Amino acid sequence: MFRQKFGMKQRQRPDVSVCLRAFKPKKPAGLLVQRPGASSVARVCTLPFTLQTGELEALALALEMTDALLVVDDAQGRRAAQTLGLAYTGTLGILLRAKEENKLSSLRLVLELLQQRTFFRVSGAVYQAALKQAGEQS
């Protein structure tokens, strides 16, 4: 459909700028985009962890917010959050909460889809523990 819409041959690679224009997400009403202050960024930068830019900014912004719950899956990011005294959870924590609140019918199905379609990975032990907590152990 995308190729037809932009008059491209079947095997022709789309130009990245065309893709970005075509699929540029619209900012939902009420969404606030905020960057952390320099002092918070500097505080996070002094930590002895290897962090990507997005993690660094999320940690710094969480320092500036009261009652923030940081969602971070990366081990280095989680250690940094713990060192900074921040409340944090991961993808599994969000999914388990959704299951507990009956907003998710099957944790197993969602985890399988995540592992098939994304780079999300958990160990077998963590996978089984999450299923047990969700009441879906086999």
N, C-alpha and C. Protein backbone atom coordinates (compact mmCIF):
# COMPACT_ATOMS: atom_id res chain seq x y z
N MET A 1 0.82 -1.19 0.00
CA MET A 1 0.00 0.00 0.00
C MET A 1 0.87 1.26 0.00
N PHE A 2 1.91 1.25 0.86
CA PHE A 2 2.81 2.40 0.92
C PHE A 2 3.46 2.64 -0.44
N ARG A 3 3.96 1.56 -1.06
CA ARG A 3 4.63 1.68 -2.35
C ARG A 3 3.67 2.17 -3.42
N GLN A 4 2.43 1.71 -3.39
CA GLN A 4 1.44 2.16 -4.37
C GLN A 4 1.13 3.63 -4.17
N LYS A 5 0.97 4.03 -2.93
CA LYS A 5 0.63 5.42 -2.62
C LYS A 5 1.68 6.39 -3.13
N PHE A 6 2.95 5.99 -3.05
CA PHE A 6 4.03 6.88 -3.46
C PHE A 6 4.62 6.52 -4.83
N GLY A 7 3.90 5.68 -5.60
CA GLY A 7 4.30 5.35 -6.96
C GLY A 7 5.64 4.66 -7.06
N MET A 8 5.90 3.70 -6.19
CA MET A 8 7.19 3.02 -6.17
C MET A 8 7.05 1.61 -6.71
N LYS A 9 8.10 1.12 -7.33
CA LYS A 9 8.12 -0.26 -7.79
C LYS A 9 8.22 -1.19 -6.60
N GLN A 10 7.83 -2.43 -6.77
CA GLN A 10 7.77 -3.40 -5.68
C GLN A 10 9.09 -3.53 -4.94
N ARG A 11 10.22 -3.62 -5.62
CA ARG A 11 11.51 -3.86 -4.95
C ARG A 11 12.30 -2.58 -4.67
N GLN A 12 11.77 -1.45 -5.05
CA GLN A 12 12.47 -0.19 -4.84
C GLN A 12 12.40 0.20 -3.36
N ARG A 13 13.53 0.57 -2.80
CA ARG A 13 13.57 1.00 -1.40
C ARG A 13 13.04 2.41 -1.29
N PRO A 14 12.16 2.66 -0.33
CA PRO A 14 11.65 4.03 -0.17
C PRO A 14 12.72 4.95 0.40
N ASP A 15 12.68 6.18 0.01
CA ASP A 15 13.57 7.20 0.56
C ASP A 15 13.18 7.44 2.02
N VAL A 16 14.15 7.53 2.89
CA VAL A 16 13.89 7.67 4.32
C VAL A 16 13.04 8.91 4.61
N SER A 17 13.33 10.01 3.94
CA SER A 17 12.56 11.24 4.20
C SER A 17 11.10 11.07 3.81
N VAL A 18 10.84 10.30 2.75
CA VAL A 18 9.46 10.03 2.35
C VAL A 18 8.76 9.22 3.43
N CYS A 19 9.46 8.21 3.95
CA CYS A 19 8.89 7.38 5.02
C CYS A 19 8.58 8.23 6.25
N LEU A 20 9.50 9.08 6.62
CA LEU A 20 9.29 9.90 7.81
C LEU A 20 8.12 10.85 7.64
N ARG A 21 7.98 11.44 6.45
CA ARG A 21 6.83 12.32 6.21
C ARG A 21 5.53 11.54 6.22
N ALA A 22 5.54 10.35 5.65
CA ALA A 22 4.33 9.55 5.54
C ALA A 22 3.86 9.03 6.89
N PHE A 23 4.79 8.68 7.75
CA PHE A 23 4.44 8.07 9.02
C PHE A 23 4.76 8.93 10.22
N LYS A 24 4.89 10.22 10.02
CA LYS A 24 5.20 11.12 11.12
C LYS A 24 4.04 11.10 12.12
N PRO A 25 4.32 10.68 13.36
CA PRO A 25 3.23 10.60 14.33
C PRO A 25 2.74 11.99 14.72
N LYS A 26 1.47 12.08 14.95
CA LYS A 26 0.90 13.34 15.41
C LYS A 26 1.00 13.38 16.93
N LYS A 27 1.33 14.54 17.44
CA LYS A 27 1.45 14.71 18.88
C LYS A 27 0.06 14.75 19.48
N PRO A 28 -0.25 13.81 20.39
CA PRO A 28 -1.58 13.80 21.00
C PRO A 28 -1.83 15.08 21.78
N ALA A 29 -3.07 15.51 21.80
CA ALA A 29 -3.45 16.70 22.55
C ALA A 29 -3.09 16.50 24.01
N GLY A 30 -2.51 17.50 24.61
CA GLY A 30 -2.16 17.43 26.01
C GLY A 30 -0.80 16.81 26.30
N LEU A 31 -0.09 16.35 25.28
CA LEU A 31 1.23 15.76 25.49
C LEU A 31 2.25 16.88 25.67
N LEU A 32 3.01 16.79 26.73
CA LEU A 32 4.03 17.78 27.03
C LEU A 32 5.40 17.18 26.77
N VAL A 33 6.17 17.80 25.90
CA VAL A 33 7.53 17.36 25.65
C VAL A 33 8.44 18.24 26.49
N GLN A 34 9.22 17.60 27.34
CA GLN A 34 10.03 18.36 28.30
C GLN A 34 11.45 17.82 28.31
N ARG A 35 12.40 18.70 28.36
CA ARG A 35 13.80 18.31 28.44
C ARG A 35 14.30 18.59 29.86
N PRO A 36 15.18 17.74 30.36
CA PRO A 36 15.69 17.95 31.73
C PRO A 36 16.65 19.12 31.79
N GLY A 37 16.79 19.67 32.99
CA GLY A 37 17.71 20.76 33.20
C GLY A 37 19.16 20.28 33.22
N ALA A 38 20.06 21.22 33.00
CA ALA A 38 21.49 20.90 32.91
C ALA A 38 22.03 20.29 34.20
N SER A 39 21.55 20.74 35.35
CA SER A 39 22.08 20.22 36.61
C SER A 39 21.68 18.75 36.81
N SER A 40 20.48 18.39 36.39
CA SER A 40 20.04 17.00 36.50
C SER A 40 20.83 16.11 35.55
N VAL A 41 21.04 16.61 34.34
CA VAL A 41 21.83 15.85 33.37
C VAL A 41 23.25 15.65 33.89
N ALA A 42 23.83 16.70 34.45
CA ALA A 42 25.19 16.61 34.98
C ALA A 42 25.27 15.58 36.11
N ARG A 43 24.23 15.55 36.95
CA ARG A 43 24.21 14.58 38.06
C ARG A 43 24.19 13.15 37.53
N VAL A 44 23.38 12.90 36.51
CA VAL A 44 23.30 11.55 35.94
C VAL A 44 24.60 11.20 35.23
N CYS A 45 25.21 12.17 34.58
CA CYS A 45 26.46 11.92 33.84
C CYS A 45 27.61 11.52 34.75
N THR A 46 27.54 11.86 36.01
CA THR A 46 28.62 11.51 36.93
C THR A 46 28.54 10.06 37.40
N LEU A 47 27.44 9.38 37.11
CA LEU A 47 27.28 7.99 37.53
C LEU A 47 28.20 7.07 36.73
N PRO A 48 28.65 5.99 37.34
CA PRO A 48 29.57 5.07 36.66
C PRO A 48 28.86 4.01 35.81
N PHE A 49 27.86 4.44 35.05
CA PHE A 49 27.10 3.51 34.22
C PHE A 49 27.17 3.94 32.76
N THR A 50 27.07 2.96 31.87
CA THR A 50 27.02 3.25 30.43
C THR A 50 25.57 3.42 30.04
N LEU A 51 25.18 4.65 29.74
CA LEU A 51 23.79 4.96 29.44
C LEU A 51 23.66 5.57 28.04
N GLN A 52 22.57 5.23 27.38
CA GLN A 52 22.29 5.86 26.10
C GLN A 52 21.64 7.21 26.37
N THR A 53 21.60 8.06 25.36
CA THR A 53 21.08 9.41 25.53
C THR A 53 19.65 9.43 26.07
N GLY A 54 18.79 8.57 25.53
CA GLY A 54 17.41 8.54 25.99
C GLY A 54 17.28 8.15 27.45
N GLU A 55 18.07 7.18 27.87
CA GLU A 55 18.05 6.76 29.28
C GLU A 55 18.56 7.87 30.18
N LEU A 56 19.65 8.50 29.74
CA LEU A 56 20.23 9.60 30.51
C LEU A 56 19.20 10.71 30.71
N GLU A 57 18.51 11.10 29.64
CA GLU A 57 17.52 12.18 29.73
C GLU A 57 16.32 11.76 30.57
N ALA A 58 15.88 10.50 30.44
CA ALA A 58 14.75 10.02 31.23
C ALA A 58 15.10 10.03 32.72
N LEU A 59 16.30 9.57 33.06
CA LEU A 59 16.75 9.58 34.45
C LEU A 59 16.82 11.02 34.99
N ALA A 60 17.40 11.91 34.20
CA ALA A 60 17.54 13.30 34.63
C ALA A 60 16.17 13.96 34.82
N LEU A 61 15.26 13.69 33.92
CA LEU A 61 13.91 14.26 34.03
C LEU A 61 13.18 13.69 35.25
N ALA A 62 13.35 12.40 35.50
CA ALA A 62 12.72 11.78 36.67
C ALA A 62 13.23 12.40 37.97
N LEU A 63 14.49 12.83 37.98
CA LEU A 63 15.03 13.50 39.17
C LEU A 63 14.28 14.80 39.47
N GLU A 64 13.80 15.44 38.41
CA GLU A 64 13.14 16.74 38.56
C GLU A 64 11.65 16.64 38.88
N MET A 65 11.10 15.44 38.76
CA MET A 65 9.66 15.27 38.94
C MET A 65 9.37 14.62 40.28
N THR A 66 8.30 15.05 40.92
CA THR A 66 7.90 14.41 42.17
C THR A 66 7.03 13.20 41.85
N ASP A 67 7.22 12.14 42.57
CA ASP A 67 6.45 10.91 42.41
C ASP A 67 6.53 10.33 41.00
N ALA A 68 7.67 10.47 40.35
CA ALA A 68 7.85 9.91 39.00
C ALA A 68 8.07 8.40 39.10
N LEU A 69 7.53 7.68 38.14
CA LEU A 69 7.80 6.25 38.00
C LEU A 69 8.47 6.07 36.65
N LEU A 70 9.74 5.76 36.68
CA LEU A 70 10.54 5.62 35.48
C LEU A 70 10.37 4.21 34.92
N VAL A 71 10.12 4.10 33.63
CA VAL A 71 10.01 2.80 32.97
C VAL A 71 11.32 2.57 32.23
N VAL A 72 12.08 1.57 32.70
CA VAL A 72 13.39 1.29 32.12
C VAL A 72 13.66 -0.21 32.19
N ASP A 73 14.07 -0.78 31.07
CA ASP A 73 14.36 -2.22 31.02
C ASP A 73 15.85 -2.53 31.04
N ASP A 74 16.66 -1.62 30.56
CA ASP A 74 18.09 -1.84 30.47
C ASP A 74 18.71 -1.97 31.87
N ALA A 75 19.57 -2.95 32.05
CA ALA A 75 20.18 -3.21 33.37
C ALA A 75 20.96 -2.01 33.89
N GLN A 76 21.73 -1.35 33.02
CA GLN A 76 22.50 -0.18 33.46
C GLN A 76 21.56 0.96 33.88
N GLY A 77 20.49 1.14 33.13
CA GLY A 77 19.51 2.18 33.46
C GLY A 77 18.82 1.90 34.79
N ARG A 78 18.51 0.63 35.04
CA ARG A 78 17.86 0.25 36.30
C ARG A 78 18.81 0.48 37.48
N ARG A 79 20.09 0.13 37.30
CA ARG A 79 21.07 0.37 38.37
C ARG A 79 21.23 1.87 38.64
N ALA A 80 21.24 2.64 37.57
CA ALA A 80 21.35 4.10 37.73
C ALA A 80 20.14 4.64 38.47
N ALA A 81 18.95 4.18 38.12
CA ALA A 81 17.73 4.63 38.81
C ALA A 81 17.78 4.28 40.29
N GLN A 82 18.24 3.08 40.59
CA GLN A 82 18.35 2.65 41.98
C GLN A 82 19.36 3.51 42.73
N THR A 83 20.50 3.78 42.11
CA THR A 83 21.54 4.62 42.72
C THR A 83 21.01 6.02 43.02
N LEU A 84 20.17 6.54 42.12
CA LEU A 84 19.61 7.88 42.30
C LEU A 84 18.40 7.90 43.23
N GLY A 85 17.96 6.73 43.67
CA GLY A 85 16.81 6.67 44.57
C GLY A 85 15.48 6.89 43.87
N LEU A 86 15.43 6.61 42.57
CA LEU A 86 14.21 6.81 41.80
C LEU A 86 13.34 5.56 41.82
N ALA A 87 12.04 5.75 41.79
CA ALA A 87 11.11 4.63 41.64
C ALA A 87 11.14 4.23 40.17
N TYR A 88 11.23 2.93 39.92
CA TYR A 88 11.29 2.47 38.53
C TYR A 88 10.59 1.13 38.38
N THR A 89 10.22 0.84 37.16
CA THR A 89 9.66 -0.45 36.80
C THR A 89 10.12 -0.73 35.38
N GLY A 90 9.76 -1.89 34.88
CA GLY A 90 10.11 -2.24 33.51
C GLY A 90 8.86 -2.64 32.74
N THR A 91 9.08 -3.12 31.54
CA THR A 91 7.96 -3.56 30.71
C THR A 91 7.16 -4.65 31.42
N LEU A 92 7.86 -5.61 32.02
CA LEU A 92 7.15 -6.67 32.74
C LEU A 92 6.31 -6.12 33.89
N GLY A 93 6.83 -5.14 34.58
CA GLY A 93 6.07 -4.53 35.68
C GLY A 93 4.79 -3.88 35.19
N ILE A 94 4.88 -3.19 34.05
CA ILE A 94 3.69 -2.55 33.47
C ILE A 94 2.69 -3.62 33.05
N LEU A 95 3.17 -4.68 32.40
CA LEU A 95 2.29 -5.74 31.93
C LEU A 95 1.65 -6.49 33.09
N LEU A 96 2.41 -6.77 34.15
CA LEU A 96 1.85 -7.45 35.31
C LEU A 96 0.77 -6.60 35.98
N ARG A 97 1.00 -5.32 36.05
CA ARG A 97 -0.02 -4.43 36.63
C ARG A 97 -1.28 -4.44 35.77
N ALA A 98 -1.11 -4.40 34.46
CA ALA A 98 -2.27 -4.45 33.56
C ALA A 98 -3.04 -5.75 33.76
N LYS A 99 -2.33 -6.85 33.93
CA LYS A 99 -2.96 -8.16 34.17
C LYS A 99 -3.73 -8.14 35.49
N GLU A 100 -3.11 -7.60 36.55
CA GLU A 100 -3.75 -7.52 37.86
C GLU A 100 -5.02 -6.68 37.82
N GLU A 101 -5.02 -5.64 36.97
CA GLU A 101 -6.17 -4.74 36.85
C GLU A 101 -7.16 -5.21 35.79
N ASN A 102 -6.99 -6.44 35.32
CA ASN A 102 -7.87 -7.05 34.29
C ASN A 102 -7.93 -6.23 33.00
N LYS A 103 -6.84 -5.56 32.67
CA LYS A 103 -6.76 -4.83 31.41
C LYS A 103 -6.03 -5.64 30.35
N LEU A 104 -5.58 -6.82 30.77
CA LEU A 104 -4.82 -7.72 29.90
C LEU A 104 -5.32 -9.13 30.19
N SER A 105 -5.76 -9.81 29.13
CA SER A 105 -6.31 -11.15 29.35
C SER A 105 -5.23 -12.23 29.43
N SER A 106 -4.13 -12.06 28.70
CA SER A 106 -3.09 -13.09 28.67
C SER A 106 -1.70 -12.47 28.64
N LEU A 107 -0.99 -12.58 29.74
CA LEU A 107 0.39 -12.11 29.78
C LEU A 107 1.26 -12.94 28.85
N ARG A 108 1.03 -14.25 28.84
CA ARG A 108 1.82 -15.16 28.01
C ARG A 108 1.76 -14.73 26.53
N LEU A 109 0.58 -14.45 26.05
CA LEU A 109 0.42 -14.05 24.64
C LEU A 109 1.16 -12.75 24.34
N VAL A 110 1.05 -11.78 25.22
CA VAL A 110 1.72 -10.50 25.01
C VAL A 110 3.24 -10.68 25.03
N LEU A 111 3.74 -11.48 25.96
CA LEU A 111 5.19 -11.73 26.02
C LEU A 111 5.68 -12.44 24.76
N GLU A 112 4.91 -13.40 24.28
CA GLU A 112 5.30 -14.10 23.05
C GLU A 112 5.35 -13.13 21.87
N LEU A 113 4.34 -12.27 21.77
CA LEU A 113 4.32 -11.29 20.68
C LEU A 113 5.48 -10.30 20.80
N LEU A 114 5.75 -9.84 22.00
CA LEU A 114 6.88 -8.92 22.22
C LEU A 114 8.19 -9.55 21.78
N GLN A 115 8.39 -10.82 22.14
CA GLN A 115 9.64 -11.48 21.79
C GLN A 115 9.73 -11.79 20.30
N GLN A 116 8.60 -12.01 19.65
CA GLN A 116 8.60 -12.28 18.21
C GLN A 116 8.79 -11.02 17.39
N ARG A 117 8.22 -9.90 17.85
CA ARG A 117 8.14 -8.70 17.01
C ARG A 117 9.04 -7.55 17.44
N THR A 118 9.70 -7.69 18.58
CA THR A 118 10.56 -6.60 19.05
C THR A 118 11.88 -7.18 19.54
N PHE A 119 12.70 -6.33 20.12
CA PHE A 119 13.97 -6.75 20.69
C PHE A 119 13.84 -7.06 22.18
N PHE A 120 12.62 -7.11 22.69
CA PHE A 120 12.38 -7.40 24.10
C PHE A 120 12.78 -8.84 24.40
N ARG A 121 13.61 -9.04 25.42
CA ARG A 121 14.06 -10.36 25.81
C ARG A 121 14.10 -10.47 27.33
N VAL A 122 13.74 -11.63 27.85
CA VAL A 122 13.88 -11.94 29.27
C VAL A 122 14.39 -13.36 29.38
N SER A 123 15.03 -13.65 30.48
CA SER A 123 15.54 -15.01 30.70
C SER A 123 14.35 -15.95 30.93
N GLY A 124 14.60 -17.24 30.78
CA GLY A 124 13.57 -18.24 31.02
C GLY A 124 13.03 -18.18 32.44
N ALA A 125 13.94 -17.94 33.39
CA ALA A 125 13.54 -17.88 34.80
C ALA A 125 12.62 -16.68 35.06
N VAL A 126 12.97 -15.54 34.49
CA VAL A 126 12.15 -14.33 34.67
C VAL A 126 10.80 -14.51 33.98
N TYR A 127 10.82 -15.11 32.80
CA TYR A 127 9.59 -15.38 32.04
C TYR A 127 8.65 -16.25 32.88
N GLN A 128 9.17 -17.34 33.43
CA GLN A 128 8.35 -18.25 34.23
C GLN A 128 7.85 -17.57 35.52
N ALA A 129 8.70 -16.77 36.15
CA ALA A 129 8.31 -16.08 37.37
C ALA A 129 7.18 -15.08 37.09
N ALA A 130 7.25 -14.40 35.95
CA ALA A 130 6.20 -13.45 35.58
C ALA A 130 4.89 -14.18 35.32
N LEU A 131 4.95 -15.29 34.62
CA LEU A 131 3.75 -16.07 34.36
C LEU A 131 3.14 -16.59 35.67
N LYS A 132 3.99 -17.01 36.59
CA LYS A 132 3.51 -17.50 37.88
C LYS A 132 2.81 -16.37 38.64
N GLN A 133 3.44 -15.19 38.65
CA GLN A 133 2.84 -14.04 39.34
C GLN A 133 1.51 -13.66 38.72
N ALA A 134 1.38 -13.84 37.40
CA ALA A 134 0.14 -13.50 36.69
C ALA A 134 -0.89 -14.63 36.76
N GLY A 135 -0.52 -15.75 37.41
CA GLY A 135 -1.43 -16.88 37.51
C GLY A 135 -1.59 -17.65 36.21
N GLU A 136 -0.53 -17.62 35.37
CA GLU A 136 -0.59 -18.29 34.07
C GLU A 136 0.49 -19.36 33.92
N GLN A 137 0.98 -19.88 35.02
CA GLN A 137 2.03 -20.89 34.91
C GLN A 137 1.48 -22.16 34.26
N SER A 138 2.36 -22.83 33.53
CA SER A 138 1.89 -24.04 32.83
C SER A 138 2.15 -25.30 33.60
